[in-house]
């Protein structure tokens, strides 16, 4: 803008502030035409390309997010069913230990063992894995659930697992039931 235009603008502002407003319509049209420039076709094309790329990226992120959510949903759905079936699995194990004591019930033992193995195999196919706990293993608070501490029978079992009261299970990488253990006092 030139020096004359600045003075015209200043005069117009002063006139508006003083109440002496006389607006020339041609001047208003000229200033409007100078300020408004239409974008070129290349600029419009670039803007549309940018809008398209952003929309495409947003859609790709949406697909990844929904896929991840679906996988998590399937994992948690199995977890609820597995958690409900674990006490039944424990009952089968207790029944098998009691049937072993009775020598006359060999046929009953075979039937219960067959059903137990079938249930266990089905649950393992769905991702259930028993957490192995042995006497003398190190106690890990993240993995094990200590239900009690007893005096260690020997010095090498101090702070270690003495007995496993209830088995623990993992579904995939997530622990759905911690093994309940007895730990030797240090």
N, C-alpha and C. Protein backbone atom coordinates (compact mmCIF):
# COMPACT_ATOMS: atom_id res chain seq x y z
N UNK A 1 0.85 -1.17 0.00
CA UNK A 1 0.00 0.00 0.00
C UNK A 1 0.89 1.23 0.00
N UNK A 2 0.41 2.22 -0.67
CA UNK A 2 1.19 3.46 -0.77
C UNK A 2 0.89 4.38 0.41
N UNK A 3 1.64 5.48 0.46
CA UNK A 3 1.50 6.44 1.54
C UNK A 3 0.14 7.13 1.48
N UNK A 4 -0.35 7.37 0.27
CA UNK A 4 -1.66 8.02 0.10
C UNK A 4 -2.78 7.14 0.63
N UNK A 5 -2.70 5.84 0.42
CA UNK A 5 -3.76 4.93 0.86
C UNK A 5 -3.80 4.88 2.39
N UNK A 6 -2.63 4.93 3.01
CA UNK A 6 -2.61 4.95 4.47
C UNK A 6 -3.28 6.20 5.00
N UNK A 7 -3.06 7.30 4.36
CA UNK A 7 -3.68 8.53 4.83
C UNK A 7 -5.17 8.50 4.60
N UNK A 8 -5.61 7.94 3.48
CA UNK A 8 -7.06 7.83 3.24
C UNK A 8 -7.69 6.93 4.29
N UNK A 9 -7.02 5.87 4.63
CA UNK A 9 -7.53 4.96 5.64
C UNK A 9 -7.60 5.65 7.00
N UNK A 10 -6.55 6.39 7.32
CA UNK A 10 -6.54 7.12 8.59
C UNK A 10 -7.64 8.16 8.63
N UNK A 11 -7.85 8.86 7.49
CA UNK A 11 -8.91 9.87 7.44
C UNK A 11 -10.27 9.22 7.62
N UNK A 12 -10.45 8.06 7.02
CA UNK A 12 -11.73 7.35 7.13
C UNK A 12 -11.97 6.94 8.58
N UNK A 13 -10.94 6.44 9.26
CA UNK A 13 -11.08 6.04 10.65
C UNK A 13 -11.42 7.23 11.53
N UNK A 14 -10.74 8.35 11.27
CA UNK A 14 -11.02 9.56 12.06
C UNK A 14 -12.45 10.02 11.83
N UNK A 15 -12.91 9.93 10.59
CA UNK A 15 -14.27 10.36 10.27
C UNK A 15 -15.29 9.46 10.96
N UNK A 16 -15.00 8.18 11.01
CA UNK A 16 -15.93 7.25 11.67
C UNK A 16 -15.96 7.53 13.17
N UNK A 17 -14.81 7.77 13.74
CA UNK A 17 -14.74 8.06 15.18
C UNK A 17 -15.43 9.38 15.53
N UNK A 18 -15.35 10.38 14.65
CA UNK A 18 -15.96 11.68 14.92
C UNK A 18 -17.44 11.71 14.55
N UNK A 19 -17.90 10.70 13.84
CA UNK A 19 -19.31 10.69 13.45
C UNK A 19 -19.55 11.33 12.11
N UNK A 20 -18.52 11.84 11.46
CA UNK A 20 -18.65 12.45 10.13
C UNK A 20 -18.37 11.38 9.08
N UNK A 21 -19.28 10.47 8.91
CA UNK A 21 -19.04 9.34 8.01
C UNK A 21 -19.67 9.60 6.66
N UNK A 22 -18.83 9.62 5.68
CA UNK A 22 -19.31 9.66 4.31
C UNK A 22 -18.55 8.57 3.58
N UNK A 23 -19.20 7.48 3.29
CA UNK A 23 -18.54 6.34 2.66
C UNK A 23 -18.78 6.39 1.17
N UNK A 24 -17.72 6.35 0.46
CA UNK A 24 -17.78 6.31 -0.99
C UNK A 24 -17.82 4.84 -1.38
N UNK A 25 -18.89 4.45 -2.07
CA UNK A 25 -19.09 3.04 -2.42
C UNK A 25 -17.99 2.53 -3.34
N UNK A 26 -17.48 3.38 -4.22
CA UNK A 26 -16.44 2.93 -5.15
C UNK A 26 -15.16 2.60 -4.41
N UNK A 27 -14.82 3.37 -3.37
CA UNK A 27 -13.62 3.09 -2.60
C UNK A 27 -13.74 1.76 -1.87
N UNK A 28 -14.93 1.50 -1.35
CA UNK A 28 -15.16 0.24 -0.65
C UNK A 28 -15.00 -0.93 -1.61
N UNK A 29 -15.55 -0.81 -2.83
CA UNK A 29 -15.43 -1.88 -3.81
C UNK A 29 -13.98 -2.09 -4.21
N UNK A 30 -13.23 -1.02 -4.37
CA UNK A 30 -11.83 -1.13 -4.75
C UNK A 30 -11.00 -1.83 -3.67
N UNK A 31 -11.24 -1.50 -2.42
CA UNK A 31 -10.48 -2.13 -1.35
C UNK A 31 -10.86 -3.60 -1.23
N UNK A 32 -12.15 -3.93 -1.42
CA UNK A 32 -12.59 -5.32 -1.37
C UNK A 32 -11.95 -6.14 -2.47
N UNK A 33 -11.87 -5.57 -3.65
CA UNK A 33 -11.31 -6.30 -4.78
C UNK A 33 -9.82 -6.55 -4.59
N UNK A 34 -9.11 -5.63 -3.95
CA UNK A 34 -7.68 -5.80 -3.74
C UNK A 34 -7.40 -6.89 -2.70
N UNK A 35 -8.21 -6.97 -1.66
CA UNK A 35 -7.98 -7.92 -0.58
C UNK A 35 -8.35 -9.35 -0.96
N UNK A 36 -9.39 -9.55 -1.73
CA UNK A 36 -9.87 -10.88 -2.08
C UNK A 36 -9.19 -11.34 -3.36
N UNK A 37 -8.45 -12.44 -3.24
CA UNK A 37 -7.86 -13.04 -4.43
C UNK A 37 -8.34 -14.48 -4.49
N UNK A 38 -8.72 -14.91 -5.64
CA UNK A 38 -9.21 -16.28 -5.80
C UNK A 38 -8.03 -17.23 -5.91
N UNK A 39 -8.14 -18.39 -5.25
CA UNK A 39 -7.05 -19.36 -5.33
C UNK A 39 -6.96 -19.95 -6.74
N UNK A 40 -5.76 -20.30 -7.12
CA UNK A 40 -5.57 -20.89 -8.44
C UNK A 40 -6.00 -22.35 -8.41
N UNK A 41 -6.11 -22.93 -9.59
CA UNK A 41 -6.54 -24.32 -9.66
C UNK A 41 -5.48 -25.25 -9.05
N UNK A 42 -4.21 -24.89 -9.14
CA UNK A 42 -3.16 -25.70 -8.53
C UNK A 42 -3.27 -25.68 -7.01
N UNK A 43 -3.57 -24.53 -6.45
CA UNK A 43 -3.73 -24.43 -5.00
C UNK A 43 -4.94 -25.24 -4.54
N UNK A 44 -6.04 -25.18 -5.30
CA UNK A 44 -7.23 -25.96 -4.97
C UNK A 44 -6.92 -27.46 -5.05
N UNK A 45 -6.20 -27.88 -6.09
CA UNK A 45 -5.83 -29.27 -6.25
C UNK A 45 -4.95 -29.73 -5.10
N UNK A 46 -3.98 -28.92 -4.70
CA UNK A 46 -3.09 -29.27 -3.58
C UNK A 46 -3.88 -29.37 -2.28
N UNK A 47 -4.84 -28.48 -2.07
CA UNK A 47 -5.66 -28.52 -0.87
C UNK A 47 -6.50 -29.80 -0.83
N UNK A 48 -7.05 -30.19 -1.97
CA UNK A 48 -7.86 -31.41 -2.05
C UNK A 48 -6.99 -32.65 -1.83
N UNK A 49 -5.77 -32.65 -2.38
CA UNK A 49 -4.86 -33.77 -2.17
C UNK A 49 -4.52 -33.90 -0.69
N UNK A 50 -4.25 -32.77 -0.06
CA UNK A 50 -3.92 -32.77 1.36
C UNK A 50 -5.09 -33.30 2.19
N UNK A 51 -6.29 -32.85 1.85
CA UNK A 51 -7.49 -33.30 2.55
C UNK A 51 -7.68 -34.81 2.37
N UNK A 52 -7.44 -35.30 1.15
CA UNK A 52 -7.58 -36.73 0.85
C UNK A 52 -6.56 -37.55 1.64
N UNK A 53 -5.30 -37.11 1.67
CA UNK A 53 -4.27 -37.85 2.39
C UNK A 53 -4.55 -37.90 3.89
N UNK A 54 -5.03 -36.79 4.43
CA UNK A 54 -5.37 -36.78 5.86
C UNK A 54 -6.52 -37.74 6.15
N UNK A 55 -7.53 -37.74 5.29
CA UNK A 55 -8.66 -38.63 5.46
C UNK A 55 -8.24 -40.09 5.34
N UNK A 56 -7.37 -40.38 4.39
CA UNK A 56 -6.88 -41.74 4.20
C UNK A 56 -6.09 -42.19 5.43
N UNK A 57 -5.21 -41.35 5.95
CA UNK A 57 -4.43 -41.69 7.14
C UNK A 57 -5.34 -41.91 8.34
N UNK A 58 -6.35 -41.08 8.47
CA UNK A 58 -7.29 -41.22 9.58
C UNK A 58 -8.04 -42.55 9.49
N UNK A 59 -8.42 -42.94 8.27
CA UNK A 59 -9.13 -44.21 8.07
C UNK A 59 -8.22 -45.40 8.38
N UNK A 60 -6.95 -45.34 7.98
CA UNK A 60 -5.99 -46.41 8.28
C UNK A 60 -5.82 -46.56 9.79
N UNK A 61 -5.72 -45.46 10.50
CA UNK A 61 -5.60 -45.50 11.96
C UNK A 61 -6.86 -46.10 12.59
N UNK A 62 -8.01 -45.78 12.03
CA UNK A 62 -9.27 -46.33 12.52
C UNK A 62 -9.29 -47.85 12.35
N UNK A 63 -8.86 -48.33 11.19
CA UNK A 63 -8.84 -49.77 10.94
C UNK A 63 -7.91 -50.49 11.91
N UNK A 64 -6.73 -49.93 12.15
CA UNK A 64 -5.79 -50.55 13.08
C UNK A 64 -6.36 -50.58 14.49
N UNK A 65 -6.98 -49.47 14.90
CA UNK A 65 -7.54 -49.38 16.25
C UNK A 65 -8.67 -50.39 16.44
N UNK A 66 -9.57 -50.51 15.47
CA UNK A 66 -10.68 -51.44 15.62
C UNK A 66 -10.20 -52.89 15.59
N UNK A 67 -9.18 -53.20 14.80
CA UNK A 67 -8.63 -54.55 14.78
C UNK A 67 -8.04 -54.90 16.14
N UNK A 68 -7.30 -53.96 16.72
CA UNK A 68 -6.71 -54.19 18.03
C UNK A 68 -7.80 -54.37 19.10
N UNK A 69 -8.84 -53.55 19.03
CA UNK A 69 -9.93 -53.66 20.00
C UNK A 69 -10.65 -54.99 19.87
N UNK A 70 -10.82 -55.48 18.64
CA UNK A 70 -11.49 -56.76 18.41
C UNK A 70 -10.68 -57.91 19.01
N UNK A 71 -9.37 -57.88 18.82
CA UNK A 71 -8.51 -58.92 19.38
C UNK A 71 -8.59 -58.92 20.90
N UNK A 72 -8.56 -57.73 21.49
CA UNK A 72 -8.66 -57.62 22.95
C UNK A 72 -10.02 -58.13 23.44
N UNK A 73 -11.07 -57.88 22.69
CA UNK A 73 -12.40 -58.34 23.06
C UNK A 73 -12.47 -59.86 23.07
N UNK A 74 -11.89 -60.50 22.06
CA UNK A 74 -11.89 -61.96 22.01
C UNK A 74 -11.11 -62.54 23.19
N UNK A 75 -10.00 -61.92 23.54
CA UNK A 75 -9.20 -62.41 24.66
C UNK A 75 -9.98 -62.31 25.97
N UNK A 76 -10.65 -61.20 26.18
CA UNK A 76 -11.37 -61.04 27.44
C UNK A 76 -12.62 -61.91 27.49
N UNK A 77 -13.22 -62.18 26.35
CA UNK A 77 -14.40 -63.07 26.33
C UNK A 77 -13.99 -64.47 26.74
N UNK A 78 -12.86 -64.97 26.24
CA UNK A 78 -12.37 -66.28 26.64
C UNK A 78 -11.97 -66.29 28.11
N UNK A 79 -11.46 -65.20 28.60
CA UNK A 79 -11.01 -65.14 29.98
C UNK A 79 -12.16 -65.40 30.95
N UNK A 80 -13.31 -64.82 30.70
CA UNK A 80 -14.45 -65.02 31.59
C UNK A 80 -14.88 -66.49 31.61
N UNK A 81 -14.94 -67.12 30.46
CA UNK A 81 -15.34 -68.53 30.38
C UNK A 81 -14.31 -69.40 31.09
N UNK A 82 -13.03 -69.13 30.84
CA UNK A 82 -11.97 -69.92 31.47
C UNK A 82 -12.01 -69.79 32.98
N UNK A 83 -12.22 -68.59 33.48
CA UNK A 83 -12.24 -68.36 34.92
C UNK A 83 -13.39 -69.13 35.58
N UNK A 84 -14.50 -69.24 34.89
CA UNK A 84 -15.64 -69.99 35.43
C UNK A 84 -15.36 -71.49 35.42
N UNK A 85 -14.61 -71.97 34.43
CA UNK A 85 -14.35 -73.41 34.31
C UNK A 85 -13.20 -73.90 35.20
N UNK A 86 -12.37 -73.02 35.71
CA UNK A 86 -11.22 -73.45 36.51
C UNK A 86 -11.62 -74.21 37.78
N UNK A 87 -12.65 -73.80 38.53
CA UNK A 87 -13.04 -74.60 39.70
C UNK A 87 -13.49 -76.02 39.32
N UNK A 88 -14.09 -76.18 38.16
CA UNK A 88 -14.50 -77.51 37.71
C UNK A 88 -13.27 -78.37 37.45
N UNK A 89 -12.26 -77.76 36.85
CA UNK A 89 -11.00 -78.45 36.61
C UNK A 89 -10.36 -78.88 37.94
N UNK A 90 -10.42 -78.01 38.94
CA UNK A 90 -9.89 -78.34 40.27
C UNK A 90 -10.65 -79.51 40.89
N UNK A 91 -11.97 -79.51 40.73
CA UNK A 91 -12.79 -80.60 41.27
C UNK A 91 -12.42 -81.93 40.63
N UNK A 92 -12.16 -81.94 39.35
CA UNK A 92 -11.74 -83.16 38.68
C UNK A 92 -10.42 -83.66 39.26
N UNK A 93 -9.47 -82.74 39.48
CA UNK A 93 -8.18 -83.15 40.03
C UNK A 93 -8.34 -83.72 41.43
N UNK A 94 -9.20 -83.12 42.26
CA UNK A 94 -9.44 -83.65 43.61
C UNK A 94 -10.12 -85.01 43.54
N UNK A 95 -11.06 -85.17 42.62
CA UNK A 95 -11.75 -86.46 42.46
C UNK A 95 -10.75 -87.54 42.06
N UNK A 96 -9.84 -87.21 41.18
CA UNK A 96 -8.85 -88.21 40.74
C UNK A 96 -7.92 -88.63 41.88
N UNK A 97 -7.55 -87.69 42.74
CA UNK A 97 -6.68 -88.07 43.86
C UNK A 97 -7.42 -88.96 44.86
N UNK A 98 -8.70 -88.71 45.06
CA UNK A 98 -9.47 -89.55 46.00
C UNK A 98 -9.80 -90.90 45.40
N UNK A 99 -10.00 -90.98 44.11
CA UNK A 99 -10.30 -92.26 43.47
C UNK A 99 -9.05 -93.14 43.47
N UNK A 100 -7.86 -92.52 43.40
CA UNK A 100 -6.61 -93.29 43.44
C UNK A 100 -6.48 -94.07 44.74
N UNK A 101 -7.04 -93.55 45.83
CA UNK A 101 -6.97 -94.22 47.12
C UNK A 101 -7.83 -95.48 47.15
N UNK A 102 -8.91 -95.48 46.39
CA UNK A 102 -9.84 -96.62 46.38
C UNK A 102 -9.46 -97.57 45.25
N UNK A 103 -9.02 -98.77 45.61
CA UNK A 103 -8.55 -99.74 44.61
C UNK A 103 -9.72 -100.39 43.86
N UNK A 104 -10.91 -100.43 44.45
CA UNK A 104 -12.06 -101.11 43.84
C UNK A 104 -12.69 -100.29 42.72
N UNK A 105 -12.43 -98.99 42.66
CA UNK A 105 -13.12 -98.12 41.71
C UNK A 105 -12.24 -97.84 40.48
N UNK A 106 -11.60 -98.86 39.95
CA UNK A 106 -10.71 -98.67 38.80
C UNK A 106 -11.46 -98.20 37.56
N UNK A 107 -12.63 -98.72 37.31
CA UNK A 107 -13.43 -98.31 36.14
C UNK A 107 -13.92 -96.87 36.29
N UNK A 108 -14.32 -96.52 37.49
CA UNK A 108 -14.74 -95.15 37.77
C UNK A 108 -13.58 -94.18 37.56
N UNK A 109 -12.41 -94.56 38.01
CA UNK A 109 -11.22 -93.73 37.83
C UNK A 109 -10.91 -93.51 36.36
N UNK A 110 -11.02 -94.55 35.56
CA UNK A 110 -10.75 -94.42 34.12
C UNK A 110 -11.73 -93.45 33.46
N UNK A 111 -13.01 -93.52 33.85
CA UNK A 111 -14.03 -92.64 33.27
C UNK A 111 -13.80 -91.18 33.64
N UNK A 112 -13.52 -90.94 34.92
CA UNK A 112 -13.28 -89.57 35.38
C UNK A 112 -12.01 -89.02 34.74
N UNK A 113 -10.97 -89.85 34.63
CA UNK A 113 -9.72 -89.43 34.00
C UNK A 113 -9.94 -89.08 32.53
N UNK A 114 -10.74 -89.86 31.86
CA UNK A 114 -11.04 -89.59 30.44
C UNK A 114 -11.74 -88.24 30.28
N UNK A 115 -12.74 -87.96 31.11
CA UNK A 115 -13.47 -86.68 31.04
C UNK A 115 -12.54 -85.52 31.40
N UNK A 116 -11.72 -85.70 32.43
CA UNK A 116 -10.77 -84.67 32.85
C UNK A 116 -9.80 -84.34 31.73
N UNK A 117 -9.23 -85.36 31.10
CA UNK A 117 -8.28 -85.13 30.01
C UNK A 117 -8.93 -84.42 28.82
N UNK A 118 -10.16 -84.78 28.53
CA UNK A 118 -10.88 -84.13 27.41
C UNK A 118 -11.13 -82.66 27.71
N UNK A 119 -11.56 -82.35 28.94
CA UNK A 119 -11.79 -80.96 29.33
C UNK A 119 -10.49 -80.18 29.30
N UNK A 120 -9.43 -80.75 29.85
CA UNK A 120 -8.14 -80.08 29.88
C UNK A 120 -7.61 -79.84 28.46
N UNK A 121 -7.75 -80.80 27.60
CA UNK A 121 -7.28 -80.66 26.21
C UNK A 121 -8.06 -79.55 25.49
N UNK A 122 -9.36 -79.49 25.71
CA UNK A 122 -10.18 -78.46 25.08
C UNK A 122 -9.79 -77.07 25.56
N UNK A 123 -9.57 -76.93 26.86
CA UNK A 123 -9.18 -75.63 27.41
C UNK A 123 -7.79 -75.23 26.93
N UNK A 124 -6.89 -76.18 26.81
CA UNK A 124 -5.55 -75.88 26.30
C UNK A 124 -5.58 -75.44 24.85
N UNK A 125 -6.49 -76.00 24.07
CA UNK A 125 -6.64 -75.59 22.67
C UNK A 125 -7.10 -74.14 22.57
N UNK A 126 -7.83 -73.69 23.57
CA UNK A 126 -8.32 -72.31 23.59
C UNK A 126 -7.32 -71.35 24.22
N UNK A 127 -6.13 -71.84 24.60
CA UNK A 127 -5.08 -70.95 25.07
C UNK A 127 -4.77 -71.03 26.55
N UNK A 128 -5.40 -71.93 27.29
CA UNK A 128 -5.16 -72.05 28.72
C UNK A 128 -3.88 -72.84 28.96
N UNK A 129 -3.02 -72.30 29.84
CA UNK A 129 -1.76 -72.96 30.17
C UNK A 129 -1.61 -72.95 31.69
N UNK A 130 -1.29 -74.12 32.26
CA UNK A 130 -1.06 -74.20 33.70
C UNK A 130 0.31 -73.62 34.02
N UNK A 131 0.39 -72.89 35.13
CA UNK A 131 1.66 -72.32 35.59
C UNK A 131 2.33 -73.39 36.46
N UNK A 132 3.50 -73.81 36.03
CA UNK A 132 4.23 -74.86 36.75
C UNK A 132 4.86 -74.29 38.02
N UNK A 133 4.57 -74.90 39.14
CA UNK A 133 5.14 -74.50 40.42
C UNK A 133 5.65 -75.76 41.11
N UNK A 134 6.93 -75.74 41.50
CA UNK A 134 7.54 -76.90 42.17
C UNK A 134 8.09 -76.46 43.52
N UNK A 135 8.23 -77.41 44.39
CA UNK A 135 8.83 -77.12 45.70
C UNK A 135 10.27 -76.70 45.48
N UNK A 136 10.65 -75.59 46.11
CA UNK A 136 12.01 -75.09 45.99
C UNK A 136 12.16 -73.96 44.98
N UNK A 137 11.11 -73.67 44.21
CA UNK A 137 11.16 -72.54 43.28
C UNK A 137 11.22 -71.23 44.06
N UNK A 138 11.80 -70.23 43.45
CA UNK A 138 11.83 -68.90 44.07
C UNK A 138 10.42 -68.32 44.08
N UNK A 139 10.09 -67.63 45.17
CA UNK A 139 8.79 -66.97 45.26
C UNK A 139 8.84 -65.67 44.47
N UNK A 140 7.88 -65.48 43.58
CA UNK A 140 7.77 -64.26 42.77
C UNK A 140 6.40 -63.65 43.06
N UNK A 141 6.37 -62.48 43.67
CA UNK A 141 5.11 -61.84 44.06
C UNK A 141 4.25 -61.49 42.85
N UNK A 142 4.86 -61.28 41.68
CA UNK A 142 4.07 -60.96 40.48
C UNK A 142 3.35 -62.19 39.93
N UNK A 143 3.91 -63.36 40.17
CA UNK A 143 3.34 -64.59 39.61
C UNK A 143 2.56 -65.38 40.65
N UNK A 144 3.10 -65.49 41.85
CA UNK A 144 2.51 -66.34 42.88
C UNK A 144 1.69 -65.53 43.89
N UNK A 145 0.77 -66.24 44.53
CA UNK A 145 -0.05 -65.65 45.59
C UNK A 145 0.25 -66.44 46.87
N UNK A 146 1.00 -65.82 47.80
CA UNK A 146 1.37 -66.50 49.04
C UNK A 146 0.19 -66.45 50.00
N UNK A 147 -0.31 -67.63 50.38
CA UNK A 147 -1.44 -67.64 51.30
C UNK A 147 -0.99 -67.75 52.75
N UNK A 148 0.22 -68.30 52.95
CA UNK A 148 0.76 -68.38 54.31
C UNK A 148 2.27 -68.60 54.27
N UNK A 149 2.90 -68.34 55.43
CA UNK A 149 4.32 -68.63 55.59
C UNK A 149 4.47 -69.59 56.76
N UNK A 150 5.31 -70.57 56.57
CA UNK A 150 5.59 -71.52 57.66
C UNK A 150 7.10 -71.57 57.85
N UNK A 151 7.55 -72.01 59.01
CA UNK A 151 9.00 -72.14 59.21
C UNK A 151 9.57 -73.10 58.16
N UNK A 152 10.66 -72.69 57.56
CA UNK A 152 11.27 -73.49 56.50
C UNK A 152 11.83 -74.78 57.08
N UNK A 153 11.54 -75.94 56.47
CA UNK A 153 12.06 -77.22 56.98
C UNK A 153 13.59 -77.31 56.88
N UNK A 154 14.16 -76.57 55.93
CA UNK A 154 15.63 -76.55 55.81
C UNK A 154 16.06 -75.15 55.38
N UNK A 155 17.34 -74.88 55.53
CA UNK A 155 17.85 -73.54 55.21
C UNK A 155 17.74 -73.20 53.73
N UNK A 156 17.83 -74.18 52.87
CA UNK A 156 17.76 -73.90 51.44
C UNK A 156 16.35 -73.56 50.97
N UNK A 157 15.31 -73.79 51.79
CA UNK A 157 13.92 -73.46 51.42
C UNK A 157 13.44 -72.14 52.03
N UNK A 158 14.32 -71.40 52.66
CA UNK A 158 13.92 -70.11 53.23
C UNK A 158 13.64 -69.12 52.10
N UNK A 159 12.44 -68.53 52.12
CA UNK A 159 12.03 -67.59 51.07
C UNK A 159 11.65 -68.27 49.77
N UNK A 160 11.53 -69.58 49.79
CA UNK A 160 11.18 -70.34 48.58
C UNK A 160 9.82 -71.01 48.78
N UNK A 161 9.29 -71.53 47.69
CA UNK A 161 7.99 -72.19 47.73
C UNK A 161 8.14 -73.57 48.34
N UNK A 162 7.28 -73.85 49.33
CA UNK A 162 7.30 -75.15 50.00
C UNK A 162 6.20 -76.05 49.43
N UNK A 163 5.01 -75.47 49.19
CA UNK A 163 3.89 -76.27 48.69
C UNK A 163 2.99 -75.41 47.83
N UNK A 164 2.33 -76.03 46.86
CA UNK A 164 1.35 -75.34 46.01
C UNK A 164 -0.03 -75.85 46.41
N UNK A 165 -0.86 -74.94 46.91
CA UNK A 165 -2.19 -75.31 47.39
C UNK A 165 -3.19 -75.34 46.23
N UNK A 166 -3.08 -74.36 45.32
CA UNK A 166 -4.00 -74.29 44.18
C UNK A 166 -3.22 -73.89 42.94
N UNK A 167 -3.46 -74.59 41.85
CA UNK A 167 -2.76 -74.31 40.60
C UNK A 167 -3.13 -72.94 40.05
N UNK A 168 -2.19 -72.37 39.32
CA UNK A 168 -2.45 -71.11 38.64
C UNK A 168 -2.49 -71.35 37.13
N UNK A 169 -3.16 -70.42 36.41
CA UNK A 169 -3.32 -70.59 34.97
C UNK A 169 -3.11 -69.27 34.25
N UNK A 170 -2.60 -69.40 33.02
CA UNK A 170 -2.44 -68.24 32.14
C UNK A 170 -3.30 -68.47 30.90
N UNK A 171 -3.84 -67.38 30.39
CA UNK A 171 -4.55 -67.41 29.12
C UNK A 171 -3.74 -66.54 28.17
N UNK A 172 -3.03 -67.18 27.27
CA UNK A 172 -2.10 -66.45 26.42
C UNK A 172 -0.95 -65.99 27.29
N UNK A 173 -0.73 -64.70 27.37
CA UNK A 173 0.34 -64.14 28.19
C UNK A 173 -0.17 -63.58 29.52
N UNK A 174 -1.48 -63.55 29.70
CA UNK A 174 -2.07 -62.94 30.90
C UNK A 174 -2.40 -64.00 31.94
N UNK A 175 -2.02 -63.74 33.18
CA UNK A 175 -2.34 -64.65 34.27
C UNK A 175 -3.79 -64.41 34.67
N UNK A 176 -4.61 -65.47 34.58
CA UNK A 176 -6.01 -65.30 34.98
C UNK A 176 -6.28 -65.83 36.38
N UNK A 177 -5.37 -66.70 36.88
CA UNK A 177 -5.44 -67.11 38.28
C UNK A 177 -4.02 -67.40 38.75
N UNK A 178 -3.63 -66.69 39.82
CA UNK A 178 -2.29 -66.87 40.37
C UNK A 178 -2.25 -68.17 41.18
N UNK A 179 -1.14 -68.90 41.13
CA UNK A 179 -1.04 -70.11 41.96
C UNK A 179 -0.92 -69.72 43.43
N UNK A 180 -1.68 -70.40 44.27
CA UNK A 180 -1.64 -70.14 45.71
C UNK A 180 -0.60 -71.07 46.32
N UNK A 181 0.39 -70.44 46.99
CA UNK A 181 1.53 -71.21 47.48
C UNK A 181 1.80 -70.94 48.96
N UNK A 182 2.54 -71.86 49.56
CA UNK A 182 3.03 -71.72 50.93
C UNK A 182 4.51 -71.44 50.83
N UNK A 183 4.96 -70.40 51.54
CA UNK A 183 6.35 -69.95 51.43
C UNK A 183 7.05 -70.20 52.77
N UNK A 184 8.34 -70.58 52.68
CA UNK A 184 9.15 -70.80 53.88
C UNK A 184 9.63 -69.49 54.46
N UNK A 185 9.51 -69.32 55.77
CA UNK A 185 9.95 -68.10 56.44
C UNK A 185 11.47 -68.02 56.46
N UNK A 186 11.94 -66.81 56.28
CA UNK A 186 13.40 -66.61 56.28
C UNK A 186 13.90 -66.40 57.68
